[in-house]
Amino acid sequence: MATRQILGELKNGPAAVKNLAARLELPAPHVLRYVLALQRRGFVALDGIEGPSPVYRLVPEQAAASAAA
């Protein structure tokens, strides 16, 4: 469930893990774990660093493939 919520949030543009956690009302370490799993599967990529929090974005090809499935 959190995976779909994270992907949904990232459709709006890149976001820092701490911001995703706040929006989803989940602990940041849990969100980071989900995001790292999505990164390993090629759905998201590191976009930069915002203070102490990594910023991730959707990988367009994978997001489109996921939506079609």
C-alpha atoms as a PDB file:
ATOM      1  CA  MET A   1       0.000   0.000   0.000  1.00  0.00           C
ATOM      2  CA  ALA A   2       2.744   2.484   0.884  1.00  0.00           C
ATOM      3  CA  THR A   3       4.485   1.659  -2.391  1.00  0.00           C
ATOM      4  CA  ARG A   4       1.503   2.859  -4.433  1.00  0.00           C
ATOM      5  CA  GLN A   5       1.137   5.944  -2.247  1.00  0.00           C
ATOM      6  CA  ILE A   6       4.799   6.838  -2.734  1.00  0.00           C
ATOM      7  CA  LEU A   7       4.564   6.344  -6.500  1.00  0.00           C
ATOM      8  CA  GLY A   8       1.431   8.491  -6.508  1.00  0.00           C
ATOM      9  CA  GLU A   9       3.195  11.294  -4.648  1.00  0.00           C
ATOM     10  CA  LEU A  10       6.214  11.132  -6.949  1.00  0.00           C
ATOM     11  CA  LYS A  11       3.956  11.536 -10.004  1.00  0.00           C
ATOM     12  CA  ASN A  12       3.639  15.154  -8.857  1.00  0.00           C
ATOM     13  CA  GLY A  13       7.410  15.614  -9.109  1.00  0.00           C
ATOM     14  CA  PRO A  14      10.586  14.851  -7.161  1.00  0.00           C
ATOM     15  CA  ALA A  15      10.264  14.787  -3.384  1.00  0.00           C
ATOM     16  CA  ALA A  16      12.504  14.439  -0.367  1.00  0.00           C
ATOM     17  CA  VAL A  17      11.978  11.382   1.791  1.00  0.00           C
ATOM     18  CA  LYS A  18      11.182  13.574   4.801  1.00  0.00           C
ATOM     19  CA  ASN A  19       8.465  15.368   2.801  1.00  0.00           C
ATOM     20  CA  LEU A  20       7.012  12.094   1.538  1.00  0.00           C
ATOM     21  CA  ALA A  21       6.944  10.796   5.101  1.00  0.00           C
ATOM     22  CA  ALA A  22       5.122  13.893   6.327  1.00  0.00           C
ATOM     23  CA  ARG A  23       2.540  13.751   3.511  1.00  0.00           C
ATOM     24  CA  LEU A  24       1.921  10.038   3.990  1.00  0.00           C
ATOM     25  CA  GLU A  25       2.019  10.250   7.792  1.00  0.00           C
ATOM     26  CA  LEU A  26       4.591   7.459   7.971  1.00  0.00           C
ATOM     27  CA  PRO A  27       7.967   7.345   9.721  1.00  0.00           C
ATOM     28  CA  ALA A  28      10.783   8.563   7.453  1.00  0.00           C
ATOM     29  CA  PRO A  29      12.864   5.363   7.920  1.00  0.00           C
ATOM     30  CA  HIS A  30       9.916   3.285   6.645  1.00  0.00           C
ATOM     31  CA  VAL A  31       9.430   5.550   3.630  1.00  0.00           C
ATOM     32  CA  LEU A  32      13.150   5.364   2.879  1.00  0.00           C
ATOM     33  CA  ARG A  33      12.994   1.561   2.950  1.00  0.00           C
ATOM     34  CA  TYR A  34      10.119   1.548   0.451  1.00  0.00           C
ATOM     35  CA  VAL A  35      11.834   4.108  -1.770  1.00  0.00           C
ATOM     36  CA  LEU A  36      15.078   2.120  -1.795  1.00  0.00           C
ATOM     37  CA  ALA A  37      13.138  -0.997  -2.808  1.00  0.00           C
ATOM     38  CA  LEU A  38      11.518   0.995  -5.627  1.00  0.00           C
ATOM     39  CA  GLN A  39      14.962   2.251  -6.646  1.00  0.00           C
ATOM     40  CA  ARG A  40      16.342  -1.305  -6.810  1.00  0.00           C
ATOM     41  CA  ARG A  41      13.412  -2.241  -9.071  1.00  0.00           C
ATOM     42  CA  GLY A  42      14.088   0.766 -11.322  1.00  0.00           C
ATOM     43  CA  PHE A  43      10.913   2.725 -10.543  1.00  0.00           C
ATOM     44  CA  VAL A  44      12.597   5.714  -8.880  1.00  0.00           C
ATOM     45  CA  ALA A  45      15.992   7.385  -9.090  1.00  0.00           C
ATOM     46  CA  LEU A  46      17.950   9.705  -6.830  1.00  0.00           C
ATOM     47  CA  ASP A  47      17.386  13.292  -7.975  1.00  0.00           C
ATOM     48  CA  GLY A  48      19.603  15.035  -5.422  1.00  0.00           C
ATOM     49  CA  ILE A  49      19.991  15.803  -1.735  1.00  0.00           C
ATOM     50  CA  GLU A  50      17.923  18.354   0.197  1.00  0.00           C
ATOM     51  CA  GLY A  51      19.673  19.009   3.490  1.00  0.00           C
ATOM     52  CA  PRO A  52      19.998  15.604   5.130  1.00  0.00           C
ATOM     53  CA  SER A  53      17.219  14.022   3.054  1.00  0.00           C
ATOM     54  CA  PRO A  54      17.612  12.378  -0.360  1.00  0.00           C
ATOM     55  CA  VAL A  55      15.251  13.547  -3.101  1.00  0.00           C
ATOM     56  CA  TYR A  56      13.800  10.919  -5.434  1.00  0.00           C
ATOM     57  CA  ARG A  57      11.941  11.114  -8.733  1.00  0.00           C
ATOM     58  CA  LEU A  58      10.007   8.657 -10.854  1.00  0.00           C
ATOM     59  CA  VAL A  59      11.782   6.950 -13.734  1.00  0.00           C
ATOM     60  CA  PRO A  60       9.307   7.768 -16.554  1.00  0.00           C
ATOM     61  CA  GLU A  61       9.702   4.531 -18.551  1.00  0.00           C
ATOM     62  CA  GLN A  62       9.084   2.330 -15.522  1.00  0.00           C
ATOM     63  CA  ALA A  63       6.197   4.446 -14.260  1.00  0.00           C
ATOM     64  CA  ALA A  64       4.459   4.183 -17.621  1.00  0.00           C
ATOM     65  CA  ALA A  65       5.038   0.420 -17.757  1.00  0.00           C
ATOM     66  CA  SER A  66       3.683   0.045 -14.223  1.00  0.00           C
ATOM     67  CA  ALA A  67       0.547   2.041 -15.048  1.00  0.00           C
ATOM     68  CA  ALA A  68      -0.103  -0.089 -18.132  1.00  0.00           C
ATOM     69  CA  ALA A  69       0.214  -3.378 -16.206  1.00  0.00           C
END
